[in-house]
Amino acid sequence: MDGGRGGMNGWGGSNAPSSGMMSKERRSTMKRQEHLTEVEEAAIRVRVEGLKNGRYLATSPDVPGLVAEGRSISETVEIAQGVARKIVESCREHGDPLPPVFRNKRRAIREFRIPVAVS
């Protein structure tokens, strides 16, 4: 039985909600999508050092309190990215000031050297 919602997707047919109101779950999903469109990126410096036990430790001069440990450099950097995100979320949640690197709305122009194959 389909719980009285009708149709294969759960809302088709004559039993579909007729109030025109959006479900709480749908509004929540839309709010999350709205929030995701506001995401900005900031480049932070991360220092990674090898430890005696073969693992790696990352800290950041740009994000006080960021400490990450991993089995490889790439894993350590990935963990550091997550920790930096959590620090920003915590600052916003508690009304604490963001580290300066996240406050600067004007991003510096970056220059990259990229390989280009020519025939």
N, C-alpha and C. Protein backbone atom coordinates (compact mmCIF):
# COMPACT_ATOMS: atom_id res chain seq x y z
N MET A 1 0.84 -1.18 0.00
CA MET A 1 0.00 0.00 0.00
C MET A 1 0.88 1.24 0.00
N ASP A 2 0.40 2.31 -0.61
CA ASP A 2 1.22 3.51 -0.75
C ASP A 2 0.92 4.57 0.29
N GLY A 3 0.22 4.25 1.33
CA GLY A 3 -0.03 5.21 2.40
C GLY A 3 -1.02 6.29 2.02
N GLY A 4 -1.81 6.05 0.95
CA GLY A 4 -2.82 7.03 0.58
C GLY A 4 -2.28 8.21 -0.21
N ARG A 5 -1.03 8.14 -0.62
CA ARG A 5 -0.47 9.27 -1.35
C ARG A 5 -0.66 9.12 -2.85
N GLY A 6 -0.90 7.90 -3.31
CA GLY A 6 -1.18 7.66 -4.72
C GLY A 6 0.05 7.78 -5.59
N GLY A 7 0.03 7.10 -6.73
CA GLY A 7 1.11 7.19 -7.70
C GLY A 7 2.38 6.51 -7.23
N MET A 8 3.29 6.28 -8.17
CA MET A 8 4.53 5.58 -7.86
C MET A 8 5.50 6.45 -7.08
N ASN A 9 5.47 7.76 -7.31
CA ASN A 9 6.41 8.63 -6.61
C ASN A 9 5.88 9.08 -5.25
N GLY A 10 4.69 8.60 -4.90
CA GLY A 10 4.17 8.93 -3.58
C GLY A 10 3.26 10.14 -3.55
N TRP A 11 3.21 10.95 -4.62
CA TRP A 11 2.35 12.14 -4.57
C TRP A 11 1.48 12.28 -5.82
N GLY A 12 1.53 11.33 -6.73
CA GLY A 12 0.74 11.43 -7.95
C GLY A 12 -0.71 11.09 -7.70
N GLY A 13 -1.54 11.21 -8.73
CA GLY A 13 -2.94 10.80 -8.65
C GLY A 13 -3.78 11.79 -7.86
N SER A 14 -5.01 11.36 -7.56
CA SER A 14 -5.97 12.25 -6.91
C SER A 14 -5.73 12.43 -5.42
N ASN A 15 -4.83 11.66 -4.85
CA ASN A 15 -4.56 11.78 -3.41
C ASN A 15 -3.43 12.76 -3.11
N ALA A 16 -2.92 13.47 -4.11
CA ALA A 16 -1.81 14.41 -3.90
C ALA A 16 -2.30 15.56 -3.03
N PRO A 17 -1.42 16.15 -2.23
CA PRO A 17 -1.80 17.28 -1.40
C PRO A 17 -2.36 18.39 -2.27
N SER A 18 -3.48 18.96 -1.87
CA SER A 18 -4.12 19.99 -2.70
C SER A 18 -4.01 21.37 -2.09
N SER A 19 -3.35 21.51 -0.97
CA SER A 19 -3.31 22.81 -0.30
C SER A 19 -2.41 23.80 -1.01
N GLY A 20 -1.55 23.32 -1.90
CA GLY A 20 -0.62 24.22 -2.56
C GLY A 20 0.54 24.61 -1.65
N MET A 21 0.54 24.14 -0.43
CA MET A 21 1.61 24.45 0.51
C MET A 21 2.78 23.52 0.25
N MET A 22 3.96 24.03 0.38
CA MET A 22 5.16 23.23 0.20
C MET A 22 5.43 22.46 1.48
N SER A 23 5.85 21.21 1.33
CA SER A 23 6.13 20.41 2.51
C SER A 23 7.32 20.99 3.28
N LYS A 24 7.35 20.70 4.56
CA LYS A 24 8.45 21.18 5.42
C LYS A 24 9.78 20.66 4.90
N GLU A 25 9.81 19.40 4.47
CA GLU A 25 11.04 18.79 3.96
C GLU A 25 11.50 19.52 2.70
N ARG A 26 10.58 19.85 1.81
CA ARG A 26 10.92 20.54 0.56
C ARG A 26 11.46 21.95 0.86
N ARG A 27 10.81 22.68 1.78
CA ARG A 27 11.30 24.02 2.16
C ARG A 27 12.70 23.93 2.73
N SER A 28 12.94 22.91 3.55
CA SER A 28 14.26 22.72 4.16
C SER A 28 15.30 22.46 3.08
N THR A 29 14.95 21.63 2.10
CA THR A 29 15.88 21.33 1.01
C THR A 29 16.18 22.59 0.22
N MET A 30 15.15 23.38 -0.06
CA MET A 30 15.37 24.61 -0.81
C MET A 30 16.24 25.58 -0.03
N LYS A 31 16.05 25.66 1.28
CA LYS A 31 16.85 26.56 2.11
C LYS A 31 18.32 26.13 2.06
N ARG A 32 18.57 24.80 2.13
CA ARG A 32 19.94 24.30 2.05
C ARG A 32 20.55 24.64 0.70
N GLN A 33 19.79 24.49 -0.38
CA GLN A 33 20.29 24.80 -1.70
C GLN A 33 20.60 26.29 -1.81
N GLU A 34 19.74 27.13 -1.24
CA GLU A 34 19.98 28.56 -1.22
C GLU A 34 21.30 28.87 -0.53
N HIS A 35 21.51 28.22 0.62
CA HIS A 35 22.72 28.44 1.39
C HIS A 35 23.95 28.02 0.59
N LEU A 36 23.86 26.92 -0.13
CA LEU A 36 25.00 26.44 -0.88
C LEU A 36 25.42 27.40 -1.98
N THR A 37 24.47 28.15 -2.53
CA THR A 37 24.82 29.08 -3.59
C THR A 37 25.59 30.28 -3.06
N GLU A 38 25.58 30.49 -1.76
CA GLU A 38 26.27 31.63 -1.16
C GLU A 38 27.70 31.29 -0.74
N VAL A 39 28.15 30.08 -1.01
CA VAL A 39 29.45 29.62 -0.56
C VAL A 39 30.57 30.36 -1.31
N GLU A 40 31.54 30.82 -0.57
CA GLU A 40 32.73 31.44 -1.14
C GLU A 40 33.93 30.60 -0.75
N GLU A 41 35.00 30.76 -1.47
CA GLU A 41 36.23 30.06 -1.13
C GLU A 41 37.28 31.07 -0.72
N ALA A 42 38.15 30.63 0.15
CA ALA A 42 39.30 31.44 0.54
C ALA A 42 40.51 30.51 0.53
N ALA A 43 41.60 30.98 0.01
CA ALA A 43 42.83 30.19 0.00
C ALA A 43 43.55 30.41 1.33
N ILE A 44 43.87 29.32 2.01
CA ILE A 44 44.61 29.43 3.27
C ILE A 44 45.95 28.73 3.11
N ARG A 45 46.91 29.20 3.88
CA ARG A 45 48.21 28.54 3.90
C ARG A 45 48.16 27.39 4.90
N VAL A 46 48.73 26.26 4.49
CA VAL A 46 48.78 25.08 5.36
C VAL A 46 50.22 24.58 5.37
N ARG A 47 50.73 24.37 6.55
CA ARG A 47 52.09 23.83 6.71
C ARG A 47 51.98 22.37 7.12
N VAL A 48 52.62 21.50 6.35
CA VAL A 48 52.56 20.06 6.63
C VAL A 48 53.97 19.59 6.96
N GLU A 49 54.08 18.88 8.08
CA GLU A 49 55.38 18.33 8.46
C GLU A 49 55.25 16.84 8.72
N GLY A 50 56.32 16.12 8.40
CA GLY A 50 56.34 14.69 8.66
C GLY A 50 56.63 14.42 10.13
N LEU A 51 55.95 13.42 10.66
CA LEU A 51 56.17 13.02 12.05
C LEU A 51 57.03 11.77 12.10
N LYS A 52 57.61 11.47 13.24
CA LYS A 52 58.49 10.31 13.40
C LYS A 52 57.78 8.99 13.13
N ASN A 53 56.48 8.95 13.38
CA ASN A 53 55.72 7.71 13.20
C ASN A 53 55.25 7.50 11.75
N GLY A 54 55.72 8.36 10.82
CA GLY A 54 55.35 8.22 9.41
C GLY A 54 54.08 8.95 9.03
N ARG A 55 53.43 9.56 9.98
CA ARG A 55 52.21 10.32 9.71
C ARG A 55 52.59 11.77 9.43
N TYR A 56 51.60 12.60 9.13
CA TYR A 56 51.83 14.00 8.80
C TYR A 56 50.94 14.88 9.67
N LEU A 57 51.45 16.07 9.98
CA LEU A 57 50.73 17.03 10.81
C LEU A 57 50.64 18.36 10.06
N ALA A 58 49.41 18.90 10.00
CA ALA A 58 49.20 20.19 9.32
C ALA A 58 48.72 21.22 10.32
N THR A 59 49.24 22.44 10.17
CA THR A 59 48.78 23.60 10.93
C THR A 59 48.64 24.73 9.91
N SER A 60 48.02 25.83 10.33
CA SER A 60 47.85 26.96 9.42
C SER A 60 48.11 28.26 10.15
N PRO A 61 48.99 29.10 9.57
CA PRO A 61 49.20 30.43 10.16
C PRO A 61 47.99 31.34 9.92
N ASP A 62 47.11 30.96 8.99
CA ASP A 62 45.93 31.76 8.67
C ASP A 62 44.71 31.41 9.51
N VAL A 63 44.68 30.20 10.06
CA VAL A 63 43.51 29.74 10.81
C VAL A 63 43.96 29.24 12.18
N PRO A 64 43.95 30.11 13.19
CA PRO A 64 44.37 29.70 14.53
C PRO A 64 43.54 28.51 15.02
N GLY A 65 44.21 27.54 15.57
CA GLY A 65 43.52 26.37 16.10
C GLY A 65 43.42 25.22 15.11
N LEU A 66 43.80 25.43 13.86
CA LEU A 66 43.73 24.35 12.88
C LEU A 66 44.90 23.41 13.09
N VAL A 67 44.59 22.17 13.41
CA VAL A 67 45.58 21.11 13.54
C VAL A 67 44.95 19.86 12.93
N ALA A 68 45.65 19.24 11.99
CA ALA A 68 45.15 18.04 11.33
C ALA A 68 46.26 17.03 11.20
N GLU A 69 45.93 15.76 11.38
CA GLU A 69 46.91 14.68 11.25
C GLU A 69 46.37 13.63 10.30
N GLY A 70 47.25 13.10 9.44
CA GLY A 70 46.82 12.08 8.49
C GLY A 70 47.94 11.12 8.15
N ARG A 71 47.58 10.09 7.37
CA ARG A 71 48.54 9.06 6.98
C ARG A 71 49.35 9.45 5.76
N SER A 72 48.85 10.41 4.98
CA SER A 72 49.57 10.88 3.80
C SER A 72 49.40 12.41 3.74
N ILE A 73 50.20 13.04 2.89
CA ILE A 73 50.08 14.49 2.77
C ILE A 73 48.70 14.86 2.24
N SER A 74 48.23 14.15 1.22
CA SER A 74 46.92 14.50 0.65
C SER A 74 45.79 14.28 1.66
N GLU A 75 45.85 13.20 2.43
CA GLU A 75 44.83 12.98 3.45
C GLU A 75 44.89 14.08 4.51
N THR A 76 46.08 14.48 4.91
CA THR A 76 46.25 15.51 5.91
C THR A 76 45.70 16.85 5.44
N VAL A 77 45.95 17.19 4.17
CA VAL A 77 45.42 18.44 3.61
C VAL A 77 43.90 18.38 3.53
N GLU A 78 43.36 17.24 3.15
CA GLU A 78 41.90 17.08 3.08
C GLU A 78 41.28 17.24 4.47
N ILE A 79 41.89 16.66 5.47
CA ILE A 79 41.40 16.81 6.85
C ILE A 79 41.51 18.27 7.28
N ALA A 80 42.60 18.94 6.92
CA ALA A 80 42.79 20.35 7.26
C ALA A 80 41.69 21.22 6.65
N GLN A 81 41.29 20.92 5.41
CA GLN A 81 40.20 21.66 4.78
C GLN A 81 38.91 21.52 5.59
N GLY A 82 38.62 20.29 6.01
CA GLY A 82 37.42 20.05 6.81
C GLY A 82 37.48 20.76 8.15
N VAL A 83 38.64 20.75 8.79
CA VAL A 83 38.80 21.43 10.08
C VAL A 83 38.61 22.94 9.90
N ALA A 84 39.18 23.50 8.83
CA ALA A 84 39.02 24.94 8.57
C ALA A 84 37.54 25.28 8.40
N ARG A 85 36.81 24.45 7.65
CA ARG A 85 35.36 24.67 7.47
C ARG A 85 34.64 24.64 8.81
N LYS A 86 34.99 23.68 9.66
CA LYS A 86 34.33 23.55 10.97
C LYS A 86 34.65 24.76 11.85
N ILE A 87 35.87 25.28 11.77
CA ILE A 87 36.23 26.46 12.55
C ILE A 87 35.39 27.66 12.11
N VAL A 88 35.21 27.84 10.80
CA VAL A 88 34.39 28.94 10.29
C VAL A 88 32.95 28.76 10.74
N GLU A 89 32.41 27.55 10.61
CA GLU A 89 31.03 27.28 11.05
C GLU A 89 30.86 27.58 12.53
N SER A 90 31.83 27.18 13.34
CA SER A 90 31.75 27.42 14.78
C SER A 90 31.78 28.91 15.10
N CYS A 91 32.66 29.65 14.41
CA CYS A 91 32.72 31.10 14.63
C CYS A 91 31.39 31.75 14.30
N ARG A 92 30.81 31.37 13.17
CA ARG A 92 29.51 31.95 12.78
C ARG A 92 28.41 31.56 13.75
N GLU A 93 28.40 30.32 14.16
CA GLU A 93 27.37 29.81 15.07
C GLU A 93 27.42 30.51 16.42
N HIS A 94 28.62 30.80 16.92
CA HIS A 94 28.78 31.39 18.24
C HIS A 94 28.98 32.90 18.22
N GLY A 95 28.97 33.49 17.03
CA GLY A 95 29.13 34.94 16.92
C GLY A 95 30.55 35.41 17.15
N ASP A 96 31.51 34.50 17.02
CA ASP A 96 32.92 34.89 17.17
C ASP A 96 33.43 35.46 15.86
N PRO A 97 34.45 36.33 15.92
CA PRO A 97 35.00 36.88 14.68
C PRO A 97 35.69 35.79 13.86
N LEU A 98 35.55 35.87 12.55
CA LEU A 98 36.22 34.93 11.66
C LEU A 98 37.70 35.27 11.59
N PRO A 99 38.55 34.28 11.35
CA PRO A 99 39.96 34.60 11.09
C PRO A 99 40.04 35.56 9.90
N PRO A 100 40.99 36.49 9.90
CA PRO A 100 41.08 37.53 8.86
C PRO A 100 41.04 36.99 7.43
N VAL A 101 41.63 35.86 7.17
CA VAL A 101 41.66 35.32 5.81
C VAL A 101 40.24 35.08 5.27
N PHE A 102 39.27 34.85 6.14
CA PHE A 102 37.89 34.61 5.72
C PHE A 102 37.06 35.89 5.72
N ARG A 103 37.58 36.96 6.29
CA ARG A 103 36.84 38.22 6.36
C ARG A 103 37.06 39.08 5.13
N ASN A 104 38.18 38.94 4.48
CA ASN A 104 38.53 39.79 3.35
C ASN A 104 37.69 39.39 2.14
N LYS A 105 36.73 40.24 1.77
CA LYS A 105 35.84 39.94 0.64
C LYS A 105 36.55 40.09 -0.70
N ARG A 106 37.51 40.96 -0.79
CA ARG A 106 38.23 41.17 -2.04
C ARG A 106 39.36 40.16 -2.12
N ARG A 107 39.28 39.31 -3.11
CA ARG A 107 40.28 38.26 -3.28
C ARG A 107 41.42 38.76 -4.18
N ALA A 108 42.62 38.41 -3.80
CA ALA A 108 43.78 38.81 -4.59
C ALA A 108 43.78 38.05 -5.92
N ILE A 109 44.33 38.69 -6.93
CA ILE A 109 44.48 38.03 -8.22
C ILE A 109 45.59 36.99 -8.06
N ARG A 110 45.32 35.81 -8.57
CA ARG A 110 46.31 34.73 -8.46
C ARG A 110 46.89 34.43 -9.83
N GLU A 111 48.16 34.12 -9.84
CA GLU A 111 48.83 33.77 -11.08
C GLU A 111 49.30 32.33 -10.97
N PHE A 112 49.04 31.55 -12.03
CA PHE A 112 49.41 30.14 -12.04
C PHE A 112 50.23 29.84 -13.27
N ARG A 113 51.12 28.88 -13.16
CA ARG A 113 51.85 28.36 -14.31
C ARG A 113 51.23 27.01 -14.61
N ILE A 114 50.72 26.86 -15.82
CA ILE A 114 50.10 25.61 -16.20
C ILE A 114 50.75 25.06 -17.46
N PRO A 115 50.93 23.75 -17.54
CA PRO A 115 51.54 23.18 -18.75
C PRO A 115 50.52 23.17 -19.90
N VAL A 116 50.99 23.51 -21.10
CA VAL A 116 50.16 23.48 -22.28
C VAL A 116 50.91 22.74 -23.36
N ALA A 117 50.32 21.68 -23.89
CA ALA A 117 50.96 20.90 -24.96
C ALA A 117 50.74 21.60 -26.29
N VAL A 118 51.81 21.71 -27.06
CA VAL A 118 51.71 22.29 -28.39
C VAL A 118 52.33 21.30 -29.39
N SER A 119 51.76 21.25 -30.59
CA SER A 119 52.30 20.32 -31.58
C SER A 119 53.25 20.99 -32.53
